[in-house]
Amino acid sequence: MNREAYRLANEIRTDFQADGDRLMERPEDLDMKTYEANALQEIRKERRKARRAFGKMTVAACAAVTLLTGTVVFRQEVHAAIDRIAWSLENALGLSGDLEDYRDVIHTSVADKGYVVTLQEAVVSEEKLTVNYTVQREDGQPMEQYLTPMEILYVNGKQPGGGGGGSASFLDETQTVLGVEMSYDIPGVDLSGENEFQIRIGALGSGNEVRGKWDFAFTADGAALMADTRRIAIGKEFTLPDGVTVTLEELTMNELEQRISFTKSGATNYIQQVLAVDSEGHQVEFGLRSADETSGYLSNEEIIDDGRLSDTAERVTMTFGVIELPEESGQITADFEPVGEVFELELQ
């Protein structure tokens, strides 16, 4: 399975347990939030396949974390090999900013069934948790396939209602270390204070998976990252072709992500997008990341390649538009259709 296929497969696991077969069902059989996000992710995958080189990981930035679990003791040579892996979140994501104020290293390993999973770092931001793992064989031998973790997330002892998505790639040419990043949407939970997180991994890979137990527990607080988030009010309303109204509420920007929050009057068969160009010439795309019948947010998908709206730009020009979902299951062929007038936001 290549990196993009894994990213799409993880996007489809919206309840943190479901499998990828749901993408082929009819839209009326799916929760609209799930279907919209999966469909748009498929579009992005095809657009960017050519420019994302194999082996370049995309992993998010980190906030303050305190680990509660302990490490498993391995043979000395295996443990030493794990300690030599220096895979920071900034480097993996390709971000140029300094994340020192928001990052703490967990670096806790658990071994089972001959495989070592190391939870490297974690970040908490608004309605979101992002982590990165490495996966290795305990004997240090190469892996012939992508043994990506199949996990369940718990927040304060309960499973959240959001979805999850991620990507993976080998970090070395000999394929002995697999790097994996995962982001989890956590709606309805106040993450500005301390919360307890558990990640329970029950299998590595899909199909011929390796079943075992790799569990992690930690507390995390996103207050620092949220405090350093810039917030610019938008307040622009648009009417979609099916009559649903969408109001772009706010643009938020920090070292981890850039997003546009919105509210809407009901469910729709159109995927929302925003194309943006700042005054310094940076062009980015905000794609649908999370939504229900009344609200959601669009995320700057270019940020994984450090393609962000500039912190020093004075203004940004935005074009709101939609992509129509097909009435039947299958490939999406519709193009981006602008809706309403182009508008500008002052950033300074």
Protein backbone atom coordinates (compact mmCIF):
# COMPACT_ATOMS: atom_id res chain seq x y z
CA MET A 1 0.00 0.00 0.00
CA ASN A 2 1.51 3.36 -0.95
CA ARG A 3 1.45 6.45 1.26
CA GLU A 4 -1.51 8.11 -0.47
CA ALA A 5 -3.58 4.93 -0.33
CA TYR A 6 -2.94 4.69 3.38
CA ARG A 7 -3.92 8.35 3.86
CA LEU A 8 -7.24 7.74 2.12
CA ALA A 9 -7.87 4.51 4.01
CA ASN A 10 -7.38 6.29 7.31
CA GLU A 11 -9.69 9.14 6.31
CA ILE A 12 -12.41 6.55 5.75
CA ARG A 13 -11.99 5.14 9.28
CA THR A 14 -14.15 7.93 10.62
CA ASP A 15 -15.30 6.14 13.77
CA PHE A 16 -11.70 5.03 14.46
CA GLN A 17 -12.71 1.43 13.76
CA ALA A 18 -14.48 1.31 10.39
CA ASP A 19 -12.81 0.04 7.22
CA GLY A 20 -12.43 1.48 3.76
CA ASP A 21 -15.33 -0.39 2.18
CA ARG A 22 -17.74 2.33 3.24
CA LEU A 23 -16.51 4.65 0.49
CA MET A 24 -18.24 2.48 -2.11
CA GLU A 25 -21.67 2.70 -0.52
CA ARG A 26 -24.35 5.08 -1.73
CA PRO A 27 -24.27 8.57 -0.17
CA GLU A 28 -27.66 8.07 1.46
CA ASP A 29 -26.25 5.09 3.34
CA LEU A 30 -23.43 7.16 4.82
CA ASP A 31 -23.25 9.91 7.33
CA MET A 32 -22.86 13.03 5.15
CA LYS A 33 -19.93 14.26 7.19
CA THR A 34 -18.04 11.05 6.41
CA TYR A 35 -18.92 11.02 2.73
CA GLU A 36 -17.98 14.65 2.08
CA ALA A 37 -14.59 14.35 3.75
CA ASN A 38 -13.74 11.08 2.01
CA ALA A 39 -14.74 12.39 -1.41
CA LEU A 40 -12.70 15.56 -1.12
CA GLN A 41 -9.71 13.61 0.15
CA GLU A 42 -9.88 11.45 -2.98
CA ILE A 43 -9.76 14.57 -5.13
CA ARG A 44 -6.72 15.93 -3.28
CA LYS A 45 -4.94 12.61 -3.54
CA GLU A 46 -5.04 12.68 -7.33
CA ARG A 47 -4.05 16.35 -7.53
CA ARG A 48 -0.94 15.95 -5.40
CA LYS A 49 0.23 12.46 -6.17
CA ALA A 50 2.89 13.67 -8.60
CA ARG A 51 4.55 16.24 -6.35
CA ARG A 52 4.73 14.33 -3.05
CA ALA A 53 7.85 12.20 -3.15
CA PHE A 54 7.78 8.77 -1.56
CA GLY A 55 9.49 8.92 1.79
CA LYS A 56 8.49 12.47 2.73
CA MET A 57 6.46 12.19 5.89
CA THR A 58 3.66 14.57 6.88
CA VAL A 59 3.40 14.89 10.63
CA ALA A 60 1.92 17.63 12.80
CA ALA A 61 3.35 19.87 15.53
CA CYS A 62 3.26 19.18 19.25
CA ALA A 63 1.95 20.77 22.46
CA ALA A 64 2.81 20.01 26.10
CA VAL A 65 2.31 16.33 26.96
CA THR A 66 2.87 14.28 30.11
CA LEU A 67 3.10 10.51 29.62
CA LEU A 68 1.47 8.17 32.10
CA THR A 69 2.55 4.78 30.78
CA GLY A 70 5.99 3.22 31.04
CA THR A 71 8.25 1.71 28.41
CA VAL A 72 8.70 -1.96 27.66
CA VAL A 73 12.20 -3.38 28.16
CA PHE A 74 13.77 -4.89 25.02
CA ARG A 75 17.03 -6.55 24.24
CA GLN A 76 19.77 -3.95 24.61
CA GLU A 77 20.69 -3.73 20.92
CA VAL A 78 17.05 -3.26 19.85
CA HIS A 79 16.40 -0.57 22.42
CA ALA A 80 19.58 1.25 21.39
CA ALA A 81 18.50 1.22 17.76
CA ILE A 82 15.16 2.76 18.70
CA ASP A 83 16.85 5.49 20.72
CA ARG A 84 18.88 6.55 17.69
CA ILE A 85 15.77 7.53 15.72
CA ALA A 86 15.49 11.32 15.70
CA TRP A 87 12.26 12.11 13.87
CA SER A 88 10.84 15.45 14.97
CA LEU A 89 7.38 16.60 14.09
CA GLU A 90 8.60 19.77 12.39
CA ASN A 91 11.05 17.93 10.15
CA ALA A 92 8.54 15.24 9.29
CA LEU A 93 5.89 17.78 8.36
CA GLY A 94 8.30 20.05 6.53
CA LEU A 95 7.41 23.10 8.61
CA SER A 96 9.90 25.94 8.77
CA GLY A 97 8.58 27.41 12.03
CA ASP A 98 9.90 26.75 15.52
CA LEU A 99 7.57 24.46 17.46
CA GLU A 100 9.65 24.32 20.63
CA ASP A 101 7.00 26.10 22.70
CA TYR A 102 4.36 23.51 21.79
CA ARG A 103 6.34 20.30 21.63
CA ASP A 104 7.27 17.66 24.15
CA VAL A 105 8.79 14.27 23.41
CA ILE A 106 6.94 11.18 24.58
CA HIS A 107 9.21 8.56 22.97
CA THR A 108 7.61 5.60 24.71
CA SER A 109 7.82 2.14 23.14
CA VAL A 110 5.69 -0.98 23.49
CA ALA A 111 6.64 -4.37 22.06
CA ASP A 112 4.33 -7.27 21.19
CA LYS A 113 4.24 -10.05 18.59
CA GLY A 114 7.76 -9.19 17.49
CA TYR A 115 7.04 -5.54 16.64
CA VAL A 116 7.92 -2.34 18.47
CA VAL A 117 5.61 0.68 18.24
CA THR A 118 6.99 3.98 19.56
CA LEU A 119 4.70 6.91 20.25
CA GLN A 120 7.02 9.80 19.48
CA GLU A 121 5.16 13.07 20.03
CA ALA A 122 1.64 14.48 20.32
CA VAL A 123 -0.11 17.79 19.87
CA VAL A 124 -3.46 19.08 21.06
CA SER A 125 -5.12 21.92 19.19
CA GLU A 126 -8.72 23.03 18.82
CA GLU A 127 -10.87 19.89 18.38
CA LYS A 128 -7.82 17.92 17.25
CA LEU A 129 -5.12 15.54 18.45
CA THR A 130 -2.13 14.67 16.25
CA VAL A 131 0.49 12.03 17.02
CA ASN A 132 3.36 10.31 15.25
CA TYR A 133 4.60 6.74 15.64
CA THR A 134 7.45 4.62 14.42
CA VAL A 135 7.00 0.91 13.80
CA GLN A 136 9.91 -1.57 13.72
CA ARG A 137 10.51 -5.28 13.93
CA GLU A 138 11.95 -6.27 17.27
CA ASP A 139 14.76 -8.16 15.54
CA GLY A 140 15.66 -5.09 13.46
CA GLN A 141 14.96 -6.77 10.11
CA PRO A 142 13.28 -4.96 7.16
CA MET A 143 9.50 -4.91 6.79
CA GLU A 144 8.01 -6.05 3.51
CA GLN A 145 4.75 -4.15 3.88
CA TYR A 146 3.20 -1.08 5.49
CA LEU A 147 2.23 -2.31 8.96
CA THR A 148 0.31 0.83 9.89
CA PRO A 149 -1.38 0.89 13.32
CA MET A 150 -5.11 0.17 13.51
CA GLU A 151 -6.09 2.01 16.67
CA ILE A 152 -8.96 3.21 18.84
CA LEU A 153 -8.78 6.61 20.55
CA TYR A 154 -10.32 7.37 23.94
CA VAL A 155 -10.60 10.85 25.46
CA ASN A 156 -11.34 10.90 29.19
CA GLY A 157 -12.40 7.27 28.93
CA LYS A 158 -14.83 7.74 26.01
CA GLN A 159 -14.55 7.39 22.25
CA PRO A 160 -14.99 10.76 20.53
CA GLY A 161 -17.43 11.18 17.67
CA GLY A 162 -14.98 12.55 15.12
CA GLY A 163 -12.85 10.93 12.44
CA GLY A 164 -9.20 10.25 11.82
CA GLY A 165 -6.72 10.48 8.97
CA GLY A 166 -3.02 10.03 8.45
CA SER A 167 -0.11 9.01 6.27
CA ALA A 168 2.89 6.70 6.40
CA SER A 169 6.26 6.07 4.77
CA PHE A 170 9.47 4.23 5.51
CA LEU A 171 12.07 6.52 7.05
CA ASP A 172 15.07 4.57 5.77
CA GLU A 173 16.04 2.96 2.48
CA THR A 174 16.27 -0.50 4.03
CA GLN A 175 12.62 -0.29 5.22
CA THR A 176 13.35 -1.12 8.84
CA VAL A 177 11.57 1.93 10.31
CA LEU A 178 8.05 2.94 9.32
CA GLY A 179 6.95 6.46 10.21
CA VAL A 180 3.24 7.12 10.72
CA GLU A 181 1.28 10.26 11.54
CA MET A 182 -2.35 10.37 12.61
CA SER A 183 -4.72 13.27 13.29
CA TYR A 184 -7.99 12.77 15.15
CA ASP A 185 -10.92 15.17 15.06
CA ILE A 186 -12.41 15.53 18.55
CA PRO A 187 -15.57 17.66 18.38
CA GLY A 188 -17.43 18.75 21.47
CA VAL A 189 -14.52 18.38 23.90
CA ASP A 190 -12.78 21.36 25.51
CA LEU A 191 -9.12 20.70 24.73
CA SER A 192 -7.86 23.98 26.19
CA GLY A 193 -7.47 22.25 29.55
CA GLU A 194 -5.89 18.97 30.57
CA ASN A 195 -7.50 15.81 29.18
CA GLU A 196 -6.65 12.13 29.41
CA PHE A 197 -5.95 10.28 26.15
CA GLN A 198 -5.63 6.57 25.46
CA ILE A 199 -4.60 5.07 22.14
CA ARG A 200 -5.17 1.32 21.91
CA ILE A 201 -3.57 -0.35 18.91
CA GLY A 202 -4.96 -3.82 18.26
CA ALA A 203 -3.36 -4.59 14.89
CA LEU A 204 -0.58 -3.52 12.55
CA GLY A 205 -1.42 -3.42 8.85
CA SER A 206 -4.56 -4.53 7.02
CA GLY A 207 -5.39 -7.76 5.26
CA ASN A 208 -2.55 -9.90 6.62
CA GLU A 209 -2.41 -7.81 9.78
CA VAL A 210 -0.37 -8.57 12.86
CA ARG A 211 -2.71 -8.69 15.84
CA GLY A 212 -1.39 -7.69 19.24
CA LYS A 213 -1.58 -5.06 21.96
CA TRP A 214 0.24 -1.73 21.82
CA ASP A 215 -1.45 0.67 24.25
CA PHE A 216 -0.47 4.21 25.23
CA ALA A 217 -1.93 6.66 27.76
CA PHE A 218 -1.05 10.30 28.38
CA THR A 219 -2.48 13.63 29.46
CA ALA A 220 -2.25 16.68 27.22
CA ASP A 221 -3.21 20.34 27.26
CA GLY A 222 -3.63 22.51 24.16
CA ALA A 223 -3.81 25.84 25.98
CA ALA A 224 -0.44 27.17 24.78
CA LEU A 225 -1.11 26.54 21.10
CA MET A 226 -4.62 27.94 21.31
CA ALA A 227 -3.35 31.06 23.08
CA ASP A 228 -0.93 31.70 20.22
CA THR A 229 -3.60 31.23 17.54
CA ARG A 230 -4.44 34.29 15.40
CA ARG A 231 -8.16 34.75 14.78
CA ILE A 232 -9.58 36.87 11.94
CA ALA A 233 -13.35 37.28 11.64
CA ILE A 234 -14.87 36.63 8.20
CA GLY A 235 -18.68 36.76 8.44
CA LYS A 236 -19.39 36.05 4.74
CA GLU A 237 -22.57 34.18 3.72
CA PHE A 238 -22.99 32.14 0.54
CA THR A 239 -25.93 30.27 -0.95
CA LEU A 240 -25.12 26.90 -2.51
CA PRO A 241 -26.84 25.67 -5.71
CA ASP A 242 -29.19 23.51 -3.62
CA GLY A 243 -30.29 26.46 -1.47
CA VAL A 244 -28.23 25.64 1.63
CA THR A 245 -26.54 28.72 3.09
CA VAL A 246 -22.96 28.57 4.35
CA THR A 247 -21.41 31.30 6.51
CA LEU A 248 -17.63 31.50 6.73
CA GLU A 249 -17.10 32.55 10.33
CA GLU A 250 -13.41 32.80 11.16
CA LEU A 251 -9.89 32.25 9.85
CA THR A 252 -7.49 30.85 12.47
CA MET A 253 -3.73 30.44 12.05
CA ASN A 254 -1.00 28.94 14.23
CA GLU A 255 2.23 26.95 13.81
CA LEU A 256 0.30 23.71 13.39
CA GLU A 257 -2.53 24.57 11.03
CA GLN A 258 -4.64 27.17 9.26
CA ARG A 259 -8.40 26.65 9.09
CA ILE A 260 -11.67 28.38 8.24
CA SER A 261 -14.66 27.61 10.45
CA PHE A 262 -18.18 27.78 9.03
CA THR A 263 -21.83 27.25 9.88
CA LYS A 264 -24.54 26.09 7.47
CA SER A 265 -28.31 25.82 7.34
CA GLY A 266 -28.50 22.07 6.67
CA ALA A 267 -27.11 19.03 4.89
CA THR A 268 -25.87 19.46 1.34
CA ASN A 269 -24.59 17.40 -1.59
CA TYR A 270 -21.84 19.94 -2.25
CA ILE A 271 -18.31 19.91 -0.85
CA GLN A 272 -17.15 23.36 0.24
CA GLN A 273 -13.71 24.77 -0.59
CA VAL A 274 -11.88 28.09 -0.41
CA LEU A 275 -9.05 29.09 -2.74
CA ALA A 276 -6.85 31.79 -1.20
CA VAL A 277 -3.99 34.03 -2.40
CA ASP A 278 -2.23 36.31 0.08
CA SER A 279 -0.64 39.67 -0.72
CA GLU A 280 2.80 38.05 -0.94
CA GLY A 281 1.65 35.68 -3.67
CA HIS A 282 1.21 32.47 -1.66
CA GLN A 283 -1.65 30.34 -3.07
CA VAL A 284 -3.34 27.76 -0.87
CA GLU A 285 -6.45 25.61 -0.85
CA PHE A 286 -8.72 25.19 2.16
CA GLY A 287 -10.50 21.86 1.84
CA LEU A 288 -13.31 20.33 3.86
CA ARG A 289 -11.93 18.54 6.89
CA SER A 290 -14.86 18.15 9.29
CA ALA A 291 -18.57 18.90 9.06
CA ASP A 292 -22.03 17.96 10.28
CA GLU A 293 -25.42 19.40 9.30
CA THR A 294 -24.80 22.74 11.04
CA SER A 295 -21.07 23.46 11.22
CA GLY A 296 -17.55 22.40 10.35
CA TYR A 297 -14.18 23.68 9.20
CA LEU A 298 -11.96 23.84 6.13
CA SER A 299 -8.25 23.12 6.53
CA ASN A 300 -5.28 24.46 4.57
CA GLU A 301 -4.12 21.22 2.98
CA GLU A 302 -0.97 22.81 1.55
CA ILE A 303 0.51 23.35 5.02
CA ILE A 304 1.99 19.84 5.00
CA ASP A 305 4.50 21.13 2.43
CA ASP A 306 4.93 24.43 4.32
CA GLY A 307 2.52 26.08 1.90
CA ARG A 308 0.78 28.47 4.25
CA LEU A 309 -0.60 31.96 4.20
CA SER A 310 2.30 34.17 5.24
CA ASP A 311 2.44 35.54 8.77
CA THR A 312 3.64 38.84 7.32
CA ALA A 313 1.05 39.16 4.53
CA GLU A 314 -1.20 42.21 4.88
CA ARG A 315 -4.28 40.74 3.22
CA VAL A 316 -5.65 37.63 1.55
CA THR A 317 -8.07 37.25 -1.38
CA MET A 318 -10.49 34.34 -1.06
CA THR A 319 -12.77 32.55 -3.51
CA PHE A 320 -15.48 30.33 -2.04
CA GLY A 321 -16.79 27.45 -4.13
CA VAL A 322 -18.09 23.90 -4.19
CA ILE A 323 -17.61 20.53 -5.84
CA GLU A 324 -20.80 18.55 -6.44
CA LEU A 325 -21.01 15.03 -5.08
CA PRO A 326 -22.17 12.35 -7.55
CA GLU A 327 -25.70 11.04 -7.11
CA GLU A 328 -24.40 7.49 -7.37
CA SER A 329 -21.24 6.02 -5.92
CA GLY A 330 -18.19 6.26 -8.13
CA GLN A 331 -15.48 8.66 -9.24
CA ILE A 332 -16.01 12.38 -8.73
CA THR A 333 -15.56 14.31 -11.98
CA ALA A 334 -17.04 17.72 -11.08
CA ASP A 335 -14.74 20.74 -11.04
CA PHE A 336 -14.50 23.52 -8.48
CA GLU A 337 -17.43 25.91 -9.04
CA PRO A 338 -17.08 29.42 -7.59
CA VAL A 339 -20.04 30.63 -5.50
CA GLY A 340 -20.66 34.30 -4.75
CA GLU A 341 -18.15 37.10 -5.00
CA VAL A 342 -14.43 37.04 -4.35
CA PHE A 343 -13.57 38.85 -1.11
CA GLU A 344 -10.57 40.15 0.80
CA LEU A 345 -9.53 39.87 4.44
CA GLU A 346 -7.12 42.18 6.25
CA LEU A 347 -4.56 40.06 8.11
CA GLN A 348 -2.62 42.78 9.95
